[in-house]
PDB file of N, CA and C in Angstrom:
ATOM      1  N   UNK A   1     125.760 156.973 167.217  1.00  0.00           N
ATOM      2  CA  UNK A   1     125.431 155.935 166.160  1.00  0.00           C
ATOM      3  C   UNK A   1     123.906 155.911 166.071  1.00  0.00           C
ATOM      4  N   UNK A   2     123.267 155.930 164.867  1.00  0.00           N
ATOM      5  CA  UNK A   2     121.831 155.910 164.699  1.00  0.00           C
ATOM      6  C   UNK A   2     121.363 154.498 165.120  1.00  0.00           C
ATOM      7  N   UNK A   3     120.211 154.462 165.445  1.00  0.00           N
ATOM      8  CA  UNK A   3     119.457 153.141 165.836  1.00  0.00           C
ATOM      9  C   UNK A   3     119.224 152.404 164.610  1.00  0.00           C
ATOM     10  N   UNK A   4     118.857 151.127 164.815  1.00  0.00           N
ATOM     11  CA  UNK A   4     118.662 150.229 163.692  1.00  0.00           C
ATOM     12  C   UNK A   4     117.322 150.734 162.917  1.00  0.00           C
ATOM     13  N   UNK A   5     116.369 151.192 163.760  1.00  0.00           N
ATOM     14  CA  UNK A   5     115.083 151.746 163.156  1.00  0.00           C
ATOM     15  C   UNK A   5     115.429 152.965 162.267  1.00  0.00           C
ATOM     16  N   UNK A   6     116.288 153.832 162.772  1.00  0.00           N
ATOM     17  CA  UNK A   6     116.638 155.064 161.972  1.00  0.00           C
ATOM     18  C   UNK A   6     117.291 154.739 160.619  1.00  0.00           C
ATOM     19  N   UNK A   7     118.197 153.750 160.808  1.00  0.00           N
ATOM     20  CA  UNK A   7     118.935 153.252 159.552  1.00  0.00           C
ATOM     21  C   UNK A   7     117.958 152.573 158.573  1.00  0.00           C
ATOM     22  N   UNK A   8     117.017 151.814 159.081  1.00  0.00           N
ATOM     23  CA  UNK A   8     116.112 151.183 158.242  1.00  0.00           C
ATOM     24  C   UNK A   8     115.128 152.223 157.577  1.00  0.00           C
ATOM     25  N   UNK A   9     114.791 153.142 158.358  1.00  0.00           N
ATOM     26  CA  UNK A   9     113.919 154.261 157.725  1.00  0.00           C
ATOM     27  C   UNK A   9     114.560 154.983 156.671  1.00  0.00           C
ATOM     28  N   UNK A  10     115.956 155.335 156.862  1.00  0.00           N
ATOM     29  CA  UNK A  10     116.795 156.079 155.931  1.00  0.00           C
ATOM     30  C   UNK A  10     117.131 155.248 154.647  1.00  0.00           C
ATOM     31  N   UNK A  11     116.984 153.877 154.641  1.00  0.00           N
ATOM     32  CA  UNK A  11     117.350 153.078 153.542  1.00  0.00           C
ATOM     33  C   UNK A  11     116.353 153.306 152.384  1.00  0.00           C
ATOM     34  N   UNK A  12     116.987 153.276 151.153  1.00  0.00           N
ATOM     35  CA  UNK A  12     116.176 153.148 149.906  1.00  0.00           C
ATOM     36  C   UNK A  12     115.642 151.782 149.808  1.00  0.00           C
ATOM     37  N   UNK A  13     116.450 150.765 149.996  1.00  0.00           N
ATOM     38  CA  UNK A  13     116.043 149.413 149.917  1.00  0.00           C
ATOM     39  C   UNK A  13     116.709 148.667 151.083  1.00  0.00           C
ATOM     40  N   UNK A  14     116.178 147.484 151.465  1.00  0.00           N
ATOM     41  CA  UNK A  14     116.744 146.599 152.369  1.00  0.00           C
ATOM     42  C   UNK A  14     116.736 145.182 151.876  1.00  0.00           C
ATOM     43  N   UNK A  15     117.900 144.570 151.751  1.00  0.00           N
ATOM     44  CA  UNK A  15     117.999 143.245 151.114  1.00  0.00           C
ATOM     45  C   UNK A  15     118.855 142.327 152.092  1.00  0.00           C
ATOM     46  N   UNK A  16     118.198 141.256 152.518  1.00  0.00           N
ATOM     47  CA  UNK A  16     118.929 140.257 153.353  1.00  0.00           C
ATOM     48  C   UNK A  16     119.496 140.886 154.669  1.00  0.00           C
ATOM     49  N   UNK A  17     118.878 141.892 155.219  1.00  0.00           N
ATOM     50  CA  UNK A  17     119.444 142.489 156.444  1.00  0.00           C
ATOM     51  C   UNK A  17     120.411 143.608 156.222  1.00  0.00           C
ATOM     52  N   UNK A  18     120.590 143.946 154.945  1.00  0.00           N
ATOM     53  CA  UNK A  18     121.564 145.128 154.622  1.00  0.00           C
ATOM     54  C   UNK A  18     120.703 146.219 154.174  1.00  0.00           C
ATOM     55  N   UNK A  19     120.972 147.434 154.710  1.00  0.00           N
ATOM     56  CA  UNK A  19     120.263 148.690 154.382  1.00  0.00           C
ATOM     57  C   UNK A  19     121.190 149.369 153.280  1.00  0.00           C
ATOM     58  N   UNK A  20     120.616 149.750 152.190  1.00  0.00           N
ATOM     59  CA  UNK A  20     121.350 150.517 151.125  1.00  0.00           C
ATOM     60  C   UNK A  20     120.849 151.863 151.208  1.00  0.00           C
ATOM     61  N   UNK A  21     121.736 152.764 151.538  1.00  0.00           N
ATOM     62  CA  UNK A  21     121.387 154.220 151.767  1.00  0.00           C
ATOM     63  C   UNK A  21     122.222 155.081 150.773  1.00  0.00           C
ATOM     64  N   UNK A  22     121.336 155.805 149.925  1.00  0.00           N
ATOM     65  CA  UNK A  22     121.999 156.733 148.901  1.00  0.00           C
ATOM     66  C   UNK A  22     122.600 157.957 149.604  1.00  0.00           C
ATOM     67  N   UNK A  23     123.943 158.179 149.455  1.00  0.00           N
ATOM     68  CA  UNK A  23     124.583 159.334 150.003  1.00  0.00           C
ATOM     69  C   UNK A  23     124.857 160.464 148.990  1.00  0.00           C
ATOM     70  N   UNK A  24     124.119 160.414 147.878  1.00  0.00           N
ATOM     71  CA  UNK A  24     124.312 161.478 146.834  1.00  0.00           C
ATOM     72  C   UNK A  24     125.292 160.864 145.810  1.00  0.00           C
ATOM     73  N   UNK A  25     126.635 160.998 146.062  1.00  0.00           N
ATOM     74  CA  UNK A  25     127.625 160.538 145.154  1.00  0.00           C
ATOM     75  C   UNK A  25     127.884 158.971 145.161  1.00  0.00           C
ATOM     76  N   UNK A  26     127.525 158.448 146.349  1.00  0.00           N
ATOM     77  CA  UNK A  26     127.780 157.025 146.511  1.00  0.00           C
ATOM     78  C   UNK A  26     126.772 156.371 147.412  1.00  0.00           C
ATOM     79  N   UNK A  27     126.869 155.009 147.563  1.00  0.00           N
ATOM     80  CA  UNK A  27     125.909 154.300 148.374  1.00  0.00           C
ATOM     81  C   UNK A  27     126.584 153.651 149.550  1.00  0.00           C
ATOM     82  N   UNK A  28     125.942 153.857 150.656  1.00  0.00           N
ATOM     83  CA  UNK A  28     126.500 153.151 151.864  1.00  0.00           C
ATOM     84  C   UNK A  28     125.573 151.927 152.151  1.00  0.00           C
ATOM     85  N   UNK A  29     126.201 150.812 152.396  1.00  0.00           N
ATOM     86  CA  UNK A  29     125.479 149.577 152.749  1.00  0.00           C
ATOM     87  C   UNK A  29     125.881 149.213 154.173  1.00  0.00           C
ATOM     88  N   UNK A  30     124.880 149.083 155.088  1.00  0.00           N
ATOM     89  CA  UNK A  30     125.079 148.781 156.463  1.00  0.00           C
ATOM     90  C   UNK A  30     124.358 147.439 156.814  1.00  0.00           C
ATOM     91  N   UNK A  31     124.994 146.607 157.480  1.00  0.00           N
ATOM     92  CA  UNK A  31     124.446 145.325 158.032  1.00  0.00           C
ATOM     93  C   UNK A  31     123.629 145.674 159.343  1.00  0.00           C
ATOM     94  N   UNK A  32     122.361 145.565 159.166  1.00  0.00           N
ATOM     95  CA  UNK A  32     121.474 145.963 160.374  1.00  0.00           C
ATOM     96  C   UNK A  32     121.541 144.954 161.435  1.00  0.00           C
ATOM     97  N   UNK A  33     122.143 143.799 161.310  1.00  0.00           N
ATOM     98  CA  UNK A  33     122.360 142.904 162.409  1.00  0.00           C
ATOM     99  C   UNK A  33     123.655 143.190 163.189  1.00  0.00           C
ATOM    100  N   UNK A  34     124.540 143.949 162.586  1.00  0.00           N
ATOM    101  CA  UNK A  34     125.787 144.386 163.216  1.00  0.00           C
ATOM    102  C   UNK A  34     126.073 145.656 162.551  1.00  0.00           C
ATOM    103  N   UNK A  35     125.718 146.750 163.099  1.00  0.00           N
ATOM    104  CA  UNK A  35     125.855 148.121 162.420  1.00  0.00           C
ATOM    105  C   UNK A  35     127.228 148.570 162.307  1.00  0.00           C
ATOM    106  N   UNK A  36     128.246 147.819 162.889  1.00  0.00           N
ATOM    107  CA  UNK A  36     129.636 148.203 162.775  1.00  0.00           C
ATOM    108  C   UNK A  36     130.129 147.759 161.403  1.00  0.00           C
ATOM    109  N   UNK A  37     129.452 146.834 160.744  1.00  0.00           N
ATOM    110  CA  UNK A  37     129.846 146.348 159.407  1.00  0.00           C
ATOM    111  C   UNK A  37     129.119 147.165 158.363  1.00  0.00           C
ATOM    112  N   UNK A  38     130.033 147.902 157.595  1.00  0.00           N
ATOM    113  CA  UNK A  38     129.401 148.819 156.502  1.00  0.00           C
ATOM    114  C   UNK A  38     130.368 148.823 155.476  1.00  0.00           C
ATOM    115  N   UNK A  39     129.820 149.189 154.243  1.00  0.00           N
ATOM    116  CA  UNK A  39     130.620 149.365 152.926  1.00  0.00           C
ATOM    117  C   UNK A  39     130.122 150.603 152.287  1.00  0.00           C
ATOM    118  N   UNK A  40     131.095 151.162 151.411  1.00  0.00           N
ATOM    119  CA  UNK A  40     130.709 152.314 150.751  1.00  0.00           C
ATOM    120  C   UNK A  40     131.034 152.130 149.235  1.00  0.00           C
ATOM    121  N   UNK A  41     130.067 152.282 148.444  1.00  0.00           N
ATOM    122  CA  UNK A  41     130.291 152.094 146.951  1.00  0.00           C
ATOM    123  C   UNK A  41     130.234 153.409 146.212  1.00  0.00           C
ATOM    124  N   UNK A  42     131.223 153.627 145.339  1.00  0.00           N
ATOM    125  CA  UNK A  42     131.330 154.784 144.451  1.00  0.00           C
ATOM    126  C   UNK A  42     131.575 154.333 143.054  1.00  0.00           C
ATOM    127  N   UNK A  43     130.707 154.850 142.157  1.00  0.00           N
ATOM    128  CA  UNK A  43     130.886 154.480 140.744  1.00  0.00           C
ATOM    129  C   UNK A  43     130.760 152.833 140.700  1.00  0.00           C
ATOM    130  N   UNK A  44     129.842 152.300 141.390  1.00  0.00           N
ATOM    131  CA  UNK A  44     129.573 150.882 141.326  1.00  0.00           C
ATOM    132  C   UNK A  44     130.774 150.046 141.841  1.00  0.00           C
ATOM    133  N   UNK A  45     131.696 150.581 142.563  1.00  0.00           N
ATOM    134  CA  UNK A  45     132.811 149.806 143.182  1.00  0.00           C
ATOM    135  C   UNK A  45     132.945 150.122 144.628  1.00  0.00           C
ATOM    136  N   UNK A  46     133.253 148.982 145.420  1.00  0.00           N
ATOM    137  CA  UNK A  46     133.312 149.158 146.848  1.00  0.00           C
ATOM    138  C   UNK A  46     134.753 149.813 146.962  1.00  0.00           C
ATOM    139  N   UNK A  47     134.683 151.016 147.684  1.00  0.00           N
ATOM    140  CA  UNK A  47     135.963 151.724 147.973  1.00  0.00           C
ATOM    141  C   UNK A  47     136.327 151.655 149.356  1.00  0.00           C
ATOM    142  N   UNK A  48     135.460 151.373 150.253  1.00  0.00           N
ATOM    143  CA  UNK A  48     135.794 151.307 151.693  1.00  0.00           C
ATOM    144  C   UNK A  48     134.877 150.425 152.364  1.00  0.00           C
ATOM    145  N   UNK A  49     135.378 149.672 153.345  1.00  0.00           N
ATOM    146  CA  UNK A  49     134.564 148.653 154.106  1.00  0.00           C
ATOM    147  C   UNK A  49     135.188 148.389 155.434  1.00  0.00           C
ATOM    148  N   UNK A  50     134.314 147.968 156.446  1.00  0.00           N
ATOM    149  CA  UNK A  50     134.692 147.452 157.664  1.00  0.00           C
ATOM    150  C   UNK A  50     134.268 145.989 157.821  1.00  0.00           C
ATOM    151  N   UNK A  51     134.019 145.314 156.663  1.00  0.00           N
ATOM    152  CA  UNK A  51     133.575 143.983 156.669  1.00  0.00           C
ATOM    153  C   UNK A  51     134.771 143.043 156.367  1.00  0.00           C
ATOM    154  N   UNK A  52     134.687 141.692 156.708  1.00  0.00           N
ATOM    155  CA  UNK A  52     135.640 140.765 156.367  1.00  0.00           C
ATOM    156  C   UNK A  52     135.503 140.380 154.830  1.00  0.00           C
ATOM    157  N   UNK A  53     136.416 139.693 154.388  1.00  0.00           N
ATOM    158  CA  UNK A  53     136.402 139.417 152.939  1.00  0.00           C
ATOM    159  C   UNK A  53     135.152 138.679 152.411  1.00  0.00           C
ATOM    160  N   UNK A  54     134.647 137.727 153.187  1.00  0.00           N
ATOM    161  CA  UNK A  54     133.454 136.967 152.741  1.00  0.00           C
ATOM    162  C   UNK A  54     132.254 137.823 152.778  1.00  0.00           C
ATOM    163  N   UNK A  55     132.057 138.691 153.869  1.00  0.00           N
ATOM    164  CA  UNK A  55     130.873 139.505 153.861  1.00  0.00           C
ATOM    165  C   UNK A  55     131.031 140.555 152.815  1.00  0.00           C
ATOM    166  N   UNK A  56     132.184 141.102 152.555  1.00  0.00           N
ATOM    167  CA  UNK A  56     132.351 142.090 151.542  1.00  0.00           C
ATOM    168  C   UNK A  56     131.985 141.516 150.143  1.00  0.00           C
ATOM    169  N   UNK A  57     132.406 140.271 149.823  1.00  0.00           N
ATOM    170  CA  UNK A  57     131.993 139.674 148.701  1.00  0.00           C
ATOM    171  C   UNK A  57     130.474 139.536 148.541  1.00  0.00           C
ATOM    172  N   UNK A  58     129.849 139.024 149.596  1.00  0.00           N
ATOM    173  CA  UNK A  58     128.370 138.913 149.557  1.00  0.00           C
ATOM    174  C   UNK A  58     127.688 140.193 149.337  1.00  0.00           C
ATOM    175  N   UNK A  59     128.219 141.248 150.000  1.00  0.00           N
ATOM    176  CA  UNK A  59     127.520 142.610 149.834  1.00  0.00           C
ATOM    177  C   UNK A  59     127.755 143.228 148.406  1.00  0.00           C
ATOM    178  N   UNK A  60     128.956 142.859 147.864  1.00  0.00           N
ATOM    179  CA  UNK A  60     129.208 143.250 146.497  1.00  0.00           C
ATOM    180  C   UNK A  60     128.232 142.676 145.518  1.00  0.00           C
ATOM    181  N   UNK A  61     127.926 141.311 145.723  1.00  0.00           N
ATOM    182  CA  UNK A  61     127.061 140.651 144.835  1.00  0.00           C
ATOM    183  C   UNK A  61     125.589 141.200 145.103  1.00  0.00           C
ATOM    184  N   UNK A  62     125.247 141.383 146.360  1.00  0.00           N
ATOM    185  CA  UNK A  62     123.922 142.011 146.607  1.00  0.00           C
ATOM    186  C   UNK A  62     123.742 143.443 146.020  1.00  0.00           C
ATOM    187  N   UNK A  63     124.774 144.155 146.017  1.00  0.00           N
ATOM    188  CA  UNK A  63     124.838 145.522 145.405  1.00  0.00           C
ATOM    189  C   UNK A  63     124.568 145.452 144.004  1.00  0.00           C
ATOM    190  N   UNK A  64     125.288 144.586 143.292  1.00  0.00           N
ATOM    191  CA  UNK A  64     125.216 144.458 141.847  1.00  0.00           C
ATOM    192  C   UNK A  64     123.782 144.018 141.420  1.00  0.00           C
ATOM    193  N   UNK A  65     123.236 143.082 142.204  1.00  0.00           N
ATOM    194  CA  UNK A  65     121.921 142.489 141.768  1.00  0.00           C
ATOM    195  C   UNK A  65     120.892 143.481 142.204  1.00  0.00           C
ATOM    196  N   UNK A  66     121.074 144.401 143.108  1.00  0.00           N
ATOM    197  CA  UNK A  66     119.857 145.236 143.589  1.00  0.00           C
ATOM    198  C   UNK A  66     119.893 146.683 143.522  1.00  0.00           C
ATOM    199  N   UNK A  67     121.068 147.243 143.012  1.00  0.00           N
ATOM    200  CA  UNK A  67     121.195 148.685 142.945  1.00  0.00           C
ATOM    201  C   UNK A  67     120.228 149.275 141.925  1.00  0.00           C
ATOM    202  N   UNK A  68     119.739 148.348 140.885  1.00  0.00           N
ATOM    203  CA  UNK A  68     118.820 148.971 140.019  1.00  0.00           C
ATOM    204  C   UNK A  68     117.518 149.164 140.542  1.00  0.00           C
ATOM    205  N   UNK A  69     117.177 148.819 141.734  1.00  0.00           N
ATOM    206  CA  UNK A  69     115.891 149.002 142.399  1.00  0.00           C
ATOM    207  C   UNK A  69     115.888 150.264 143.190  1.00  0.00           C
ATOM    208  N   UNK A  70     116.962 150.936 143.415  1.00  0.00           N
ATOM    209  CA  UNK A  70     117.062 152.183 144.127  1.00  0.00           C
ATOM    210  C   UNK A  70     116.394 153.248 143.307  1.00  0.00           C
ATOM    211  N   UNK A  71     115.796 154.169 144.038  1.00  0.00           N
ATOM    212  CA  UNK A  71     114.970 155.346 143.432  1.00  0.00           C
ATOM    213  C   UNK A  71     115.743 156.106 142.348  1.00  0.00           C
ATOM    214  N   UNK A  72     117.075 156.465 142.723  1.00  0.00           N
ATOM    215  CA  UNK A  72     117.836 157.339 141.813  1.00  0.00           C
ATOM    216  C   UNK A  72     118.076 156.596 140.412  1.00  0.00           C
ATOM    217  N   UNK A  73     118.091 155.220 140.460  1.00  0.00           N
ATOM    218  CA  UNK A  73     118.309 154.582 139.137  1.00  0.00           C
ATOM    219  C   UNK A  73     117.000 154.487 138.385  1.00  0.00           C
ATOM    220  N   UNK A  74     115.819 154.458 139.023  1.00  0.00           N
ATOM    221  CA  UNK A  74     114.604 154.551 138.330  1.00  0.00           C
ATOM    222  C   UNK A  74     114.452 155.983 137.536  1.00  0.00           C
ATOM    223  N   UNK A  75     115.005 156.994 138.221  1.00  0.00           N
ATOM    224  CA  UNK A  75     114.976 158.368 137.565  1.00  0.00           C
ATOM    225  C   UNK A  75     115.865 158.417 136.286  1.00  0.00           C
ATOM    226  N   UNK A  76     116.911 157.591 136.281  1.00  0.00           N
ATOM    227  CA  UNK A  76     117.775 157.572 135.149  1.00  0.00           C
ATOM    228  C   UNK A  76     117.049 156.964 133.930  1.00  0.00           C
ATOM    229  N   UNK A  77     116.231 155.853 134.286  1.00  0.00           N
ATOM    230  CA  UNK A  77     115.527 155.219 133.181  1.00  0.00           C
ATOM    231  C   UNK A  77     114.474 156.068 132.571  1.00  0.00           C
ATOM    232  N   UNK A  78     113.866 156.954 133.328  1.00  0.00           N
ATOM    233  CA  UNK A  78     112.752 157.784 132.812  1.00  0.00           C
ATOM    234  C   UNK A  78     113.266 158.976 131.845  1.00  0.00           C
ATOM    235  N   UNK A  79     114.572 159.366 132.045  1.00  0.00           N
ATOM    236  CA  UNK A  79     115.046 160.485 131.339  1.00  0.00           C
ATOM    237  C   UNK A  79     115.812 159.938 130.077  1.00  0.00           C
ATOM    238  N   UNK A  80     115.629 160.494 128.928  1.00  0.00           N
ATOM    239  CA  UNK A  80     116.206 160.159 127.696  1.00  0.00           C
ATOM    240  C   UNK A  80     117.327 161.020 127.256  1.00  0.00           C
TER     241      UNK A  80
END
């Protein structure tokens, strides 16, 4: 298991203690306070998680509000 520092360095953004890591086709969100809690988003939908329902809801909201700040989404804006 990677350390918290390694996860934070690999993250594109960190919001409220959650590291958002671009995995190419999808985005992994890892709770930096408890690294066993993670979620995977594919096509802007959560498809897999190890979080309880309340945390999964919170992370879904954080994802929807902050995914636009990830580097790959900036690249989409620049191309017409």
